[in-house]
N, C-alpha and C. Protein backbone atom coordinates (compact mmCIF):
# COMPACT_ATOMS: atom_id res chain seq x y z
N MET A 1 -7.96 -25.52 -6.70
CA MET A 1 -6.74 -24.69 -6.79
C MET A 1 -6.98 -23.36 -6.07
N SER A 2 -6.02 -22.93 -5.25
CA SER A 2 -6.17 -21.70 -4.48
C SER A 2 -6.23 -20.49 -5.40
N LYS A 3 -6.99 -19.49 -4.97
CA LYS A 3 -7.02 -18.20 -5.65
C LYS A 3 -5.90 -17.35 -5.06
N LYS A 4 -5.04 -16.83 -5.92
CA LYS A 4 -3.82 -16.16 -5.47
C LYS A 4 -4.00 -14.65 -5.44
N ILE A 5 -3.54 -14.04 -4.35
CA ILE A 5 -3.47 -12.59 -4.23
C ILE A 5 -2.02 -12.22 -3.93
N VAL A 6 -1.46 -11.35 -4.76
CA VAL A 6 -0.10 -10.86 -4.57
C VAL A 6 -0.18 -9.49 -3.91
N CYS A 7 0.43 -9.36 -2.73
CA CYS A 7 0.47 -8.09 -2.01
C CYS A 7 1.80 -7.41 -2.36
N PHE A 8 1.73 -6.42 -3.26
CA PHE A 8 2.92 -5.81 -3.85
C PHE A 8 3.06 -4.40 -3.31
N GLY A 9 4.12 -4.16 -2.52
CA GLY A 9 4.24 -2.83 -1.93
C GLY A 9 5.56 -2.61 -1.23
N ASP A 10 5.52 -1.68 -0.28
CA ASP A 10 6.70 -1.29 0.47
C ASP A 10 6.67 -1.91 1.86
N SER A 11 7.23 -1.24 2.86
CA SER A 11 7.28 -1.82 4.21
C SER A 11 5.91 -1.93 4.86
N ILE A 12 4.95 -1.13 4.42
CA ILE A 12 3.59 -1.24 4.97
C ILE A 12 3.00 -2.59 4.55
N THR A 13 3.23 -3.00 3.34
CA THR A 13 2.82 -4.33 2.88
C THR A 13 3.66 -5.41 3.55
N ASN A 14 4.96 -5.20 3.61
CA ASN A 14 5.85 -6.23 4.16
C ASN A 14 5.57 -6.49 5.63
N GLY A 15 5.41 -5.42 6.41
CA GLY A 15 5.08 -5.56 7.81
C GLY A 15 6.24 -6.00 8.68
N HIS A 16 5.90 -6.65 9.79
CA HIS A 16 6.91 -7.05 10.77
C HIS A 16 6.42 -8.28 11.51
N ASP A 17 7.32 -8.93 12.20
CA ASP A 17 6.95 -10.12 12.97
C ASP A 17 5.98 -9.76 14.09
N GLY A 18 5.03 -10.62 14.32
CA GLY A 18 4.06 -10.38 15.38
C GLY A 18 2.77 -11.12 15.10
N GLU A 19 1.88 -11.11 16.08
CA GLU A 19 0.62 -11.83 15.93
C GLU A 19 -0.18 -11.31 14.74
N CYS A 20 -0.18 -10.01 14.56
CA CYS A 20 -0.84 -9.41 13.39
C CYS A 20 0.08 -8.33 12.87
N GLY A 21 1.11 -8.74 12.13
CA GLY A 21 2.12 -7.79 11.70
C GLY A 21 2.41 -7.79 10.22
N ARG A 22 1.76 -8.68 9.47
CA ARG A 22 2.00 -8.74 8.03
C ARG A 22 0.67 -8.76 7.28
N LEU A 23 0.57 -7.89 6.28
CA LEU A 23 -0.70 -7.72 5.58
C LEU A 23 -1.17 -9.01 4.95
N ASN A 24 -0.28 -9.73 4.26
CA ASN A 24 -0.73 -10.94 3.56
C ASN A 24 -1.28 -11.98 4.53
N GLU A 25 -0.65 -12.11 5.70
CA GLU A 25 -1.13 -13.10 6.68
C GLU A 25 -2.49 -12.70 7.23
N CYS A 26 -2.65 -11.42 7.54
CA CYS A 26 -3.95 -10.94 8.04
C CYS A 26 -5.04 -11.13 6.99
N LEU A 27 -4.75 -10.78 5.74
CA LEU A 27 -5.75 -10.91 4.69
C LEU A 27 -6.10 -12.37 4.42
N GLU A 28 -5.08 -13.21 4.36
CA GLU A 28 -5.34 -14.63 4.09
C GLU A 28 -6.25 -15.23 5.15
N SER A 29 -6.00 -14.89 6.41
CA SER A 29 -6.83 -15.41 7.50
C SER A 29 -8.27 -14.94 7.35
N ARG A 30 -8.48 -13.67 7.08
CA ARG A 30 -9.83 -13.13 6.98
C ARG A 30 -10.56 -13.65 5.75
N LEU A 31 -9.88 -13.72 4.62
CA LEU A 31 -10.52 -14.20 3.39
C LEU A 31 -10.88 -15.68 3.48
N ASN A 32 -10.03 -16.45 4.13
CA ASN A 32 -10.30 -17.89 4.22
C ASN A 32 -11.36 -18.23 5.27
N GLU A 33 -11.56 -17.36 6.23
CA GLU A 33 -12.73 -17.50 7.10
C GLU A 33 -14.01 -17.28 6.28
N TRP A 34 -13.92 -16.39 5.31
CA TRP A 34 -15.06 -16.03 4.46
C TRP A 34 -15.33 -17.10 3.41
N LYS A 35 -14.29 -17.63 2.79
CA LYS A 35 -14.44 -18.56 1.67
C LYS A 35 -13.77 -19.92 1.90
N ASN A 36 -13.65 -20.31 3.16
CA ASN A 36 -13.25 -21.66 3.52
C ASN A 36 -11.97 -22.13 2.83
N GLY A 37 -10.89 -21.35 3.03
CA GLY A 37 -9.58 -21.80 2.56
C GLY A 37 -9.30 -21.65 1.09
N GLU A 38 -10.03 -20.77 0.39
CA GLU A 38 -9.84 -20.66 -1.06
C GLU A 38 -8.63 -19.81 -1.45
N TYR A 39 -8.15 -18.96 -0.54
CA TYR A 39 -7.18 -17.93 -0.93
C TYR A 39 -5.78 -18.18 -0.38
N ILE A 40 -4.79 -17.81 -1.18
CA ILE A 40 -3.41 -17.73 -0.73
C ILE A 40 -2.93 -16.31 -1.03
N CYS A 41 -2.38 -15.65 -0.02
CA CYS A 41 -1.93 -14.26 -0.16
C CYS A 41 -0.41 -14.22 0.00
N ILE A 42 0.28 -13.72 -1.00
CA ILE A 42 1.74 -13.75 -1.06
C ILE A 42 2.30 -12.37 -0.74
N ASN A 43 3.30 -12.34 0.14
CA ASN A 43 3.94 -11.09 0.54
C ASN A 43 5.05 -10.72 -0.44
N MET A 44 4.81 -9.65 -1.21
CA MET A 44 5.84 -9.10 -2.09
C MET A 44 6.07 -7.64 -1.73
N GLY A 45 6.11 -7.37 -0.41
CA GLY A 45 6.46 -6.04 0.08
C GLY A 45 7.94 -5.98 0.42
N HIS A 46 8.59 -4.88 0.05
CA HIS A 46 10.01 -4.69 0.36
C HIS A 46 10.19 -3.36 1.10
N ASN A 47 10.89 -3.40 2.22
CA ASN A 47 11.10 -2.19 3.01
C ASN A 47 11.82 -1.11 2.22
N GLY A 48 11.35 0.11 2.36
CA GLY A 48 12.01 1.26 1.74
C GLY A 48 11.74 1.45 0.26
N ASN A 49 10.92 0.59 -0.33
CA ASN A 49 10.73 0.65 -1.79
C ASN A 49 9.88 1.84 -2.24
N THR A 50 10.32 2.44 -3.32
CA THR A 50 9.51 3.35 -4.12
C THR A 50 8.95 2.57 -5.31
N THR A 51 8.12 3.22 -6.10
CA THR A 51 7.62 2.56 -7.31
C THR A 51 8.74 2.29 -8.31
N ALA A 52 9.80 3.09 -8.28
CA ALA A 52 10.94 2.83 -9.17
C ALA A 52 11.67 1.55 -8.75
N ASN A 53 11.91 1.38 -7.46
CA ASN A 53 12.49 0.12 -6.97
C ASN A 53 11.59 -1.06 -7.34
N ALA A 54 10.28 -0.85 -7.20
CA ALA A 54 9.32 -1.92 -7.46
C ALA A 54 9.30 -2.30 -8.94
N LEU A 55 9.49 -1.32 -9.82
CA LEU A 55 9.52 -1.64 -11.24
C LEU A 55 10.72 -2.53 -11.57
N ASP A 56 11.83 -2.32 -10.87
CA ASP A 56 13.03 -3.14 -11.09
C ASP A 56 12.79 -4.61 -10.73
N ARG A 57 11.92 -4.87 -9.76
CA ARG A 57 11.67 -6.25 -9.33
C ARG A 57 10.32 -6.78 -9.82
N PHE A 58 9.68 -6.06 -10.69
CA PHE A 58 8.32 -6.41 -11.10
C PHE A 58 8.26 -7.77 -11.80
N GLU A 59 9.23 -8.07 -12.63
CA GLU A 59 9.20 -9.34 -13.36
C GLU A 59 9.24 -10.53 -12.40
N THR A 60 10.20 -10.52 -11.48
CA THR A 60 10.34 -11.67 -10.60
C THR A 60 9.24 -11.74 -9.55
N ASP A 61 8.81 -10.58 -9.03
CA ASP A 61 7.90 -10.58 -7.89
C ASP A 61 6.42 -10.55 -8.27
N VAL A 62 6.13 -10.10 -9.47
CA VAL A 62 4.72 -10.02 -9.89
C VAL A 62 4.45 -10.86 -11.13
N LEU A 63 5.12 -10.57 -12.22
CA LEU A 63 4.82 -11.28 -13.48
C LEU A 63 4.96 -12.79 -13.32
N ASN A 64 5.95 -13.22 -12.57
CA ASN A 64 6.16 -14.66 -12.39
C ASN A 64 5.10 -15.32 -11.51
N GLU A 65 4.28 -14.51 -10.83
CA GLU A 65 3.21 -15.04 -9.97
C GLU A 65 1.83 -15.02 -10.64
N LEU A 66 1.75 -14.44 -11.83
CA LEU A 66 0.45 -14.32 -12.51
C LEU A 66 0.08 -15.64 -13.17
N PRO A 67 -1.22 -15.95 -13.28
CA PRO A 67 -2.38 -15.10 -12.98
C PRO A 67 -2.64 -14.96 -11.49
N ALA A 68 -3.11 -13.77 -11.12
CA ALA A 68 -3.42 -13.48 -9.72
C ALA A 68 -4.16 -12.14 -9.66
N THR A 69 -4.68 -11.84 -8.49
CA THR A 69 -5.13 -10.49 -8.16
C THR A 69 -3.97 -9.79 -7.48
N VAL A 70 -3.62 -8.59 -7.93
CA VAL A 70 -2.45 -7.90 -7.40
C VAL A 70 -2.89 -6.62 -6.68
N LEU A 71 -2.57 -6.55 -5.39
CA LEU A 71 -2.80 -5.34 -4.61
C LEU A 71 -1.56 -4.48 -4.68
N ILE A 72 -1.71 -3.23 -5.09
CA ILE A 72 -0.56 -2.33 -5.27
C ILE A 72 -0.62 -1.22 -4.23
N GLU A 73 0.39 -1.18 -3.36
CA GLU A 73 0.44 -0.21 -2.25
C GLU A 73 1.80 0.46 -2.25
N PHE A 74 1.85 1.69 -2.75
CA PHE A 74 3.07 2.48 -2.73
C PHE A 74 2.73 3.95 -2.50
N GLY A 75 3.74 4.74 -2.20
CA GLY A 75 3.55 6.18 -2.06
C GLY A 75 4.25 6.77 -0.85
N VAL A 76 4.31 6.02 0.25
CA VAL A 76 4.91 6.55 1.47
C VAL A 76 6.39 6.87 1.26
N ASN A 77 7.11 6.03 0.53
CA ASN A 77 8.52 6.30 0.25
C ASN A 77 8.69 7.23 -0.94
N ASP A 78 7.81 7.10 -1.93
CA ASP A 78 7.90 7.95 -3.13
C ASP A 78 7.84 9.44 -2.77
N CYS A 79 6.91 9.77 -1.86
CA CYS A 79 6.68 11.18 -1.54
C CYS A 79 7.70 11.76 -0.58
N ASN A 80 8.49 10.91 0.07
CA ASN A 80 9.36 11.33 1.16
C ASN A 80 10.46 12.28 0.70
N ARG A 81 10.61 13.37 1.43
CA ARG A 81 11.76 14.27 1.24
C ARG A 81 12.71 14.07 2.42
N ARG A 82 13.90 13.62 2.15
CA ARG A 82 14.88 13.53 3.23
C ARG A 82 15.15 14.94 3.77
N ALA A 83 15.64 15.02 5.00
CA ALA A 83 15.83 16.31 5.67
C ALA A 83 16.78 17.22 4.90
N TRP A 84 17.66 16.63 4.09
CA TRP A 84 18.68 17.41 3.40
C TRP A 84 18.31 17.78 1.96
N THR A 85 17.08 17.46 1.51
CA THR A 85 16.68 17.81 0.14
C THR A 85 15.20 18.13 0.07
N SER A 86 14.85 19.07 -0.81
CA SER A 86 13.44 19.43 -1.01
C SER A 86 12.78 18.55 -2.07
N VAL A 87 13.56 17.69 -2.71
CA VAL A 87 13.07 16.89 -3.83
C VAL A 87 12.55 15.54 -3.32
N ALA A 88 11.36 15.15 -3.77
CA ALA A 88 10.81 13.84 -3.42
C ALA A 88 11.67 12.73 -4.00
N ARG A 89 11.67 11.57 -3.32
CA ARG A 89 12.44 10.44 -3.84
C ARG A 89 11.95 10.09 -5.24
N ILE A 90 10.63 10.13 -5.46
CA ILE A 90 10.05 9.91 -6.78
C ILE A 90 9.04 11.02 -7.03
N SER A 91 9.19 11.74 -8.13
CA SER A 91 8.26 12.83 -8.42
C SER A 91 6.85 12.29 -8.64
N LEU A 92 5.87 13.17 -8.49
CA LEU A 92 4.48 12.77 -8.68
C LEU A 92 4.24 12.25 -10.10
N ASN A 93 4.88 12.89 -11.09
CA ASN A 93 4.71 12.43 -12.47
C ASN A 93 5.29 11.03 -12.68
N GLU A 94 6.46 10.77 -12.11
CA GLU A 94 7.05 9.44 -12.25
C GLU A 94 6.25 8.40 -11.49
N PHE A 95 5.74 8.78 -10.33
CA PHE A 95 4.89 7.90 -9.55
C PHE A 95 3.67 7.46 -10.36
N GLU A 96 3.01 8.43 -11.00
CA GLU A 96 1.85 8.11 -11.84
C GLU A 96 2.24 7.21 -13.00
N ARG A 97 3.35 7.52 -13.64
CA ARG A 97 3.82 6.73 -14.78
C ARG A 97 4.08 5.28 -14.37
N ASN A 98 4.69 5.09 -13.21
CA ASN A 98 4.99 3.74 -12.75
C ASN A 98 3.72 2.96 -12.42
N LEU A 99 2.75 3.61 -11.78
CA LEU A 99 1.47 2.94 -11.51
C LEU A 99 0.78 2.53 -12.81
N ARG A 100 0.82 3.41 -13.78
CA ARG A 100 0.23 3.07 -15.09
C ARG A 100 0.90 1.83 -15.68
N GLU A 101 2.21 1.76 -15.55
CA GLU A 101 2.95 0.63 -16.10
C GLU A 101 2.59 -0.66 -15.36
N PHE A 102 2.50 -0.61 -14.04
CA PHE A 102 2.09 -1.78 -13.28
C PHE A 102 0.73 -2.28 -13.78
N HIS A 103 -0.20 -1.36 -13.90
CA HIS A 103 -1.55 -1.71 -14.34
C HIS A 103 -1.53 -2.35 -15.73
N LYS A 104 -0.81 -1.74 -16.65
CA LYS A 104 -0.75 -2.25 -18.03
C LYS A 104 -0.18 -3.67 -18.07
N LEU A 105 0.92 -3.88 -17.36
CA LEU A 105 1.58 -5.18 -17.40
C LEU A 105 0.72 -6.27 -16.77
N ILE A 106 0.03 -5.94 -15.70
CA ILE A 106 -0.85 -6.91 -15.04
C ILE A 106 -2.03 -7.26 -15.94
N CYS A 107 -2.65 -6.25 -16.52
CA CYS A 107 -3.82 -6.49 -17.37
C CYS A 107 -3.45 -7.25 -18.64
N GLU A 108 -2.26 -7.00 -19.17
CA GLU A 108 -1.82 -7.74 -20.37
C GLU A 108 -1.73 -9.23 -20.11
N LYS A 109 -1.55 -9.61 -18.85
CA LYS A 109 -1.48 -11.03 -18.48
C LYS A 109 -2.83 -11.57 -18.04
N GLY A 110 -3.88 -10.80 -18.27
CA GLY A 110 -5.22 -11.25 -17.93
C GLY A 110 -5.49 -11.31 -16.44
N SER A 111 -4.76 -10.53 -15.66
CA SER A 111 -4.92 -10.53 -14.21
C SER A 111 -5.54 -9.23 -13.73
N LYS A 112 -5.90 -9.21 -12.46
CA LYS A 112 -6.63 -8.09 -11.89
C LYS A 112 -5.72 -7.23 -11.04
N CYS A 113 -5.83 -5.92 -11.21
CA CYS A 113 -5.03 -4.94 -10.49
C CYS A 113 -5.94 -4.14 -9.57
N ILE A 114 -5.53 -3.97 -8.32
CA ILE A 114 -6.28 -3.17 -7.35
C ILE A 114 -5.30 -2.17 -6.72
N PHE A 115 -5.68 -0.89 -6.70
CA PHE A 115 -4.85 0.14 -6.09
C PHE A 115 -5.29 0.38 -4.64
N LEU A 116 -4.31 0.63 -3.77
CA LEU A 116 -4.57 1.04 -2.39
C LEU A 116 -4.00 2.43 -2.16
N THR A 117 -4.77 3.31 -1.52
CA THR A 117 -4.19 4.55 -1.02
C THR A 117 -3.50 4.26 0.31
N ASN A 118 -2.78 5.25 0.80
CA ASN A 118 -1.97 5.08 2.00
C ASN A 118 -2.67 5.63 3.24
N HIS A 119 -2.39 4.99 4.37
CA HIS A 119 -2.89 5.49 5.64
C HIS A 119 -2.23 6.83 5.98
N ILE A 120 -2.80 7.51 6.94
CA ILE A 120 -2.25 8.79 7.38
C ILE A 120 -0.98 8.54 8.22
N VAL A 121 0.03 9.36 7.97
CA VAL A 121 1.27 9.26 8.75
C VAL A 121 1.38 10.48 9.66
N GLU A 122 2.03 10.31 10.80
CA GLU A 122 2.17 11.41 11.76
C GLU A 122 3.45 11.25 12.58
N PRO A 123 4.61 11.48 11.94
CA PRO A 123 5.88 11.33 12.67
C PRO A 123 5.97 12.30 13.85
N LEU A 124 6.43 11.80 14.96
CA LEU A 124 6.59 12.61 16.17
C LEU A 124 8.00 13.19 16.23
N GLU A 125 8.20 14.16 17.13
CA GLU A 125 9.54 14.70 17.35
C GLU A 125 10.49 13.55 17.69
N GLY A 126 11.64 13.56 17.06
CA GLY A 126 12.62 12.51 17.28
C GLY A 126 12.55 11.39 16.26
N SER A 127 11.45 11.29 15.53
CA SER A 127 11.36 10.29 14.47
C SER A 127 12.24 10.70 13.30
N ARG A 128 12.88 9.73 12.68
CA ARG A 128 13.74 10.04 11.52
C ARG A 128 12.95 10.53 10.33
N PHE A 129 11.62 10.41 10.39
CA PHE A 129 10.77 10.86 9.29
C PHE A 129 10.19 12.26 9.53
N LYS A 130 10.47 12.84 10.69
CA LYS A 130 9.80 14.08 11.08
C LYS A 130 10.13 15.24 10.16
N ASN A 131 11.42 15.47 9.91
CA ASN A 131 11.85 16.66 9.18
C ASN A 131 11.90 16.40 7.68
N GLN A 132 10.94 16.96 6.97
CA GLN A 132 10.89 16.86 5.52
C GLN A 132 11.62 18.05 4.91
N GLY A 133 12.45 17.79 3.92
CA GLY A 133 13.35 18.81 3.40
C GLY A 133 12.69 19.99 2.72
N ASN A 134 11.41 19.87 2.38
CA ASN A 134 10.71 21.00 1.74
C ASN A 134 9.92 21.83 2.75
N GLY A 135 10.06 21.54 4.05
CA GLY A 135 9.39 22.33 5.06
C GLY A 135 7.95 21.96 5.34
N LYS A 136 7.41 21.01 4.60
CA LYS A 136 6.05 20.55 4.82
C LYS A 136 6.06 19.34 5.76
N THR A 137 4.87 18.97 6.23
CA THR A 137 4.79 17.75 7.02
C THR A 137 4.78 16.55 6.09
N TYR A 138 5.08 15.39 6.65
CA TYR A 138 5.04 14.15 5.86
C TYR A 138 3.64 13.93 5.30
N THR A 139 2.61 14.20 6.09
CA THR A 139 1.24 14.03 5.63
C THR A 139 0.95 14.95 4.45
N GLU A 140 1.39 16.20 4.53
CA GLU A 140 1.17 17.14 3.42
C GLU A 140 1.85 16.64 2.15
N ASN A 141 3.04 16.05 2.29
CA ASN A 141 3.74 15.52 1.11
C ASN A 141 3.06 14.28 0.55
N LEU A 142 2.40 13.50 1.42
CA LEU A 142 1.76 12.26 0.98
C LEU A 142 0.41 12.50 0.30
N LEU A 143 -0.30 13.54 0.69
CA LEU A 143 -1.66 13.76 0.19
C LEU A 143 -1.77 13.79 -1.34
N PRO A 144 -0.88 14.50 -2.07
CA PRO A 144 -1.00 14.49 -3.54
C PRO A 144 -0.79 13.11 -4.15
N TYR A 145 0.00 12.28 -3.52
CA TYR A 145 0.24 10.92 -4.03
C TYR A 145 -1.00 10.06 -3.82
N ASN A 146 -1.65 10.22 -2.68
CA ASN A 146 -2.91 9.52 -2.48
C ASN A 146 -3.96 9.97 -3.49
N GLN A 147 -4.01 11.27 -3.75
CA GLN A 147 -4.99 11.77 -4.71
C GLN A 147 -4.67 11.28 -6.12
N CYS A 148 -3.40 11.18 -6.44
CA CYS A 148 -2.99 10.62 -7.73
C CYS A 148 -3.52 9.20 -7.89
N ILE A 149 -3.42 8.40 -6.83
CA ILE A 149 -3.91 7.01 -6.88
C ILE A 149 -5.41 7.00 -7.13
N ARG A 150 -6.15 7.85 -6.42
CA ARG A 150 -7.61 7.91 -6.62
C ARG A 150 -7.96 8.32 -8.04
N ASP A 151 -7.31 9.35 -8.53
CA ASP A 151 -7.61 9.86 -9.87
C ASP A 151 -7.28 8.82 -10.94
N LEU A 152 -6.16 8.14 -10.77
CA LEU A 152 -5.74 7.15 -11.75
C LEU A 152 -6.68 5.93 -11.73
N ALA A 153 -7.08 5.53 -10.55
CA ALA A 153 -8.03 4.41 -10.44
C ALA A 153 -9.33 4.74 -11.18
N LYS A 154 -9.80 5.96 -11.03
CA LYS A 154 -11.02 6.38 -11.72
C LYS A 154 -10.82 6.39 -13.23
N GLU A 155 -9.70 6.96 -13.67
CA GLU A 155 -9.42 7.05 -15.11
C GLU A 155 -9.30 5.67 -15.75
N LEU A 156 -8.59 4.76 -15.08
CA LEU A 156 -8.32 3.44 -15.64
C LEU A 156 -9.41 2.42 -15.31
N ASN A 157 -10.41 2.85 -14.54
CA ASN A 157 -11.47 1.94 -14.08
C ASN A 157 -10.89 0.77 -13.29
N VAL A 158 -9.97 1.11 -12.38
CA VAL A 158 -9.32 0.12 -11.51
C VAL A 158 -10.03 0.13 -10.16
N ASP A 159 -10.26 -1.03 -9.59
CA ASP A 159 -10.82 -1.08 -8.24
C ASP A 159 -9.87 -0.42 -7.25
N LEU A 160 -10.46 0.36 -6.34
CA LEU A 160 -9.69 1.15 -5.38
C LEU A 160 -10.07 0.74 -3.96
N ILE A 161 -9.05 0.53 -3.12
CA ILE A 161 -9.26 0.36 -1.69
C ILE A 161 -8.68 1.61 -1.03
N ASP A 162 -9.56 2.53 -0.66
CA ASP A 162 -9.14 3.86 -0.22
C ASP A 162 -8.89 3.86 1.29
N VAL A 163 -7.75 3.33 1.68
CA VAL A 163 -7.38 3.24 3.09
C VAL A 163 -7.32 4.63 3.72
N GLY A 164 -6.67 5.56 3.04
CA GLY A 164 -6.55 6.91 3.58
C GLY A 164 -7.90 7.56 3.79
N GLY A 165 -8.80 7.42 2.82
CA GLY A 165 -10.13 7.98 2.95
C GLY A 165 -10.92 7.36 4.08
N TYR A 166 -10.75 6.05 4.26
CA TYR A 166 -11.44 5.35 5.35
C TYR A 166 -10.98 5.86 6.71
N ILE A 167 -9.68 6.04 6.87
CA ILE A 167 -9.13 6.46 8.16
C ILE A 167 -9.55 7.88 8.50
N THR A 168 -9.43 8.80 7.53
CA THR A 168 -9.83 10.17 7.81
C THR A 168 -11.34 10.30 7.93
N GLY A 169 -12.09 9.56 7.11
CA GLY A 169 -13.55 9.63 7.14
C GLY A 169 -14.14 9.09 8.42
N ASN A 170 -13.43 8.20 9.09
CA ASN A 170 -13.92 7.62 10.34
C ASN A 170 -13.19 8.18 11.57
N ASN A 171 -12.43 9.27 11.35
CA ASN A 171 -11.75 9.96 12.45
C ASN A 171 -10.94 9.01 13.33
N ILE A 172 -10.25 8.08 12.69
CA ILE A 172 -9.41 7.14 13.44
C ILE A 172 -8.14 7.86 13.88
N ASN A 173 -7.86 7.81 15.16
CA ASN A 173 -6.68 8.47 15.71
C ASN A 173 -5.42 7.77 15.21
N PRO A 174 -4.49 8.52 14.60
CA PRO A 174 -3.26 7.88 14.11
C PRO A 174 -2.52 7.08 15.18
N GLN A 175 -2.64 7.50 16.45
CA GLN A 175 -1.96 6.77 17.51
C GLN A 175 -2.53 5.37 17.70
N GLU A 176 -3.74 5.13 17.20
CA GLU A 176 -4.30 3.78 17.24
C GLU A 176 -3.69 2.89 16.16
N LEU A 177 -3.05 3.51 15.17
CA LEU A 177 -2.54 2.79 14.01
C LEU A 177 -1.04 2.59 13.99
N LEU A 178 -0.31 3.57 14.51
CA LEU A 178 1.10 3.70 14.16
C LEU A 178 2.05 3.23 15.25
N ARG A 179 3.23 2.81 14.79
CA ARG A 179 4.33 2.51 15.70
C ARG A 179 4.99 3.82 16.14
N GLU A 180 6.06 3.69 16.92
CA GLU A 180 6.69 4.86 17.52
C GLU A 180 7.21 5.86 16.50
N ASP A 181 7.56 5.39 15.29
CA ASP A 181 8.12 6.32 14.29
C ASP A 181 7.05 7.16 13.60
N GLY A 182 5.78 6.85 13.84
CA GLY A 182 4.70 7.65 13.26
C GLY A 182 4.41 7.36 11.81
N VAL A 183 5.01 6.33 11.24
CA VAL A 183 4.81 5.97 9.84
C VAL A 183 4.34 4.52 9.70
N HIS A 184 5.03 3.61 10.33
CA HIS A 184 4.72 2.19 10.18
C HIS A 184 3.59 1.77 11.11
N LEU A 185 2.89 0.72 10.71
CA LEU A 185 1.71 0.26 11.45
C LEU A 185 2.09 -0.61 12.65
N SER A 186 1.40 -0.39 13.74
CA SER A 186 1.50 -1.27 14.90
C SER A 186 0.66 -2.52 14.65
N GLU A 187 0.70 -3.48 15.56
CA GLU A 187 -0.14 -4.67 15.40
C GLU A 187 -1.61 -4.28 15.40
N ASN A 188 -2.00 -3.37 16.28
CA ASN A 188 -3.39 -2.91 16.26
C ASN A 188 -3.70 -2.19 14.96
N GLY A 189 -2.71 -1.44 14.45
CA GLY A 189 -2.88 -0.77 13.17
C GLY A 189 -3.13 -1.75 12.04
N TYR A 190 -2.38 -2.87 12.05
CA TYR A 190 -2.60 -3.88 11.01
C TYR A 190 -3.98 -4.51 11.12
N ARG A 191 -4.48 -4.65 12.34
CA ARG A 191 -5.84 -5.21 12.49
C ARG A 191 -6.86 -4.28 11.86
N ILE A 192 -6.75 -2.99 12.15
CA ILE A 192 -7.68 -2.01 11.58
C ILE A 192 -7.53 -1.95 10.06
N TYR A 193 -6.28 -1.86 9.62
CA TYR A 193 -5.95 -1.76 8.19
C TYR A 193 -6.44 -2.98 7.44
N SER A 194 -6.10 -4.16 7.92
CA SER A 194 -6.43 -5.39 7.19
C SER A 194 -7.92 -5.72 7.27
N ASP A 195 -8.59 -5.33 8.36
CA ASP A 195 -10.05 -5.53 8.43
C ASP A 195 -10.73 -4.74 7.31
N PHE A 196 -10.28 -3.49 7.12
CA PHE A 196 -10.89 -2.67 6.07
C PHE A 196 -10.54 -3.21 4.68
N VAL A 197 -9.26 -3.54 4.46
CA VAL A 197 -8.85 -4.04 3.15
C VAL A 197 -9.56 -5.35 2.83
N ALA A 198 -9.66 -6.26 3.81
CA ALA A 198 -10.34 -7.54 3.58
C ALA A 198 -11.82 -7.32 3.27
N GLY A 199 -12.45 -6.38 3.97
CA GLY A 199 -13.85 -6.08 3.70
C GLY A 199 -14.08 -5.59 2.28
N ARG A 200 -13.20 -4.70 1.83
CA ARG A 200 -13.32 -4.20 0.45
C ARG A 200 -13.01 -5.31 -0.56
N LEU A 201 -12.02 -6.14 -0.25
CA LEU A 201 -11.69 -7.25 -1.16
C LEU A 201 -12.88 -8.19 -1.33
N LYS A 202 -13.59 -8.47 -0.26
CA LYS A 202 -14.76 -9.33 -0.36
C LYS A 202 -15.79 -8.72 -1.31
N GLU A 203 -15.97 -7.40 -1.25
CA GLU A 203 -16.91 -6.73 -2.15
C GLU A 203 -16.44 -6.83 -3.60
N ILE A 204 -15.13 -6.65 -3.79
CA ILE A 204 -14.58 -6.65 -5.15
C ILE A 204 -14.54 -8.04 -5.76
N LEU A 205 -14.18 -9.03 -4.96
CA LEU A 205 -13.96 -10.39 -5.49
C LEU A 205 -15.22 -11.24 -5.52
N ASP A 206 -16.24 -10.85 -4.77
CA ASP A 206 -17.44 -11.68 -4.65
C ASP A 206 -18.16 -11.79 -6.00
């Protein structure tokens, strides 16, 4: 019987059509090269989702797939301030509360929860993500959400795949990762992203 991994997230998880454009497909290929076809990776990423949107679909998209290992990737939409408002789509406190709830519900079903931090974003002039309503950059708004994920993983003793830390720690140029909007991953970005995530998963699951 295949070992199931649910990739639960936003558009970064969902990805796009292309040779290497979807996280679950990239991970499944890499894990099955490692363990000879043992894994199935399911795409439960939805474009534009915050953790509040994700909580609304949690029963159908996650609980109904358990038992499984669940990768949780959110924050890029939660932290976003539209140009016309200084308020984040989801406050940091609500973001933390929702992550806690995901973890609790998954563990109650005897399944494994893994948190992912977010890659660095760098919207260019002309990108619809460039102007944040609080006057900060998108990266500045995302940093506290990434730190929240790290802190919560430590508190709850949850395995962490620190994508953001890996990218900054290895001085990876955002232009190697990102599409034209400066937020979403290019095909090369997915290769870098999924290589790191798959490597950490092998350490965690072995």
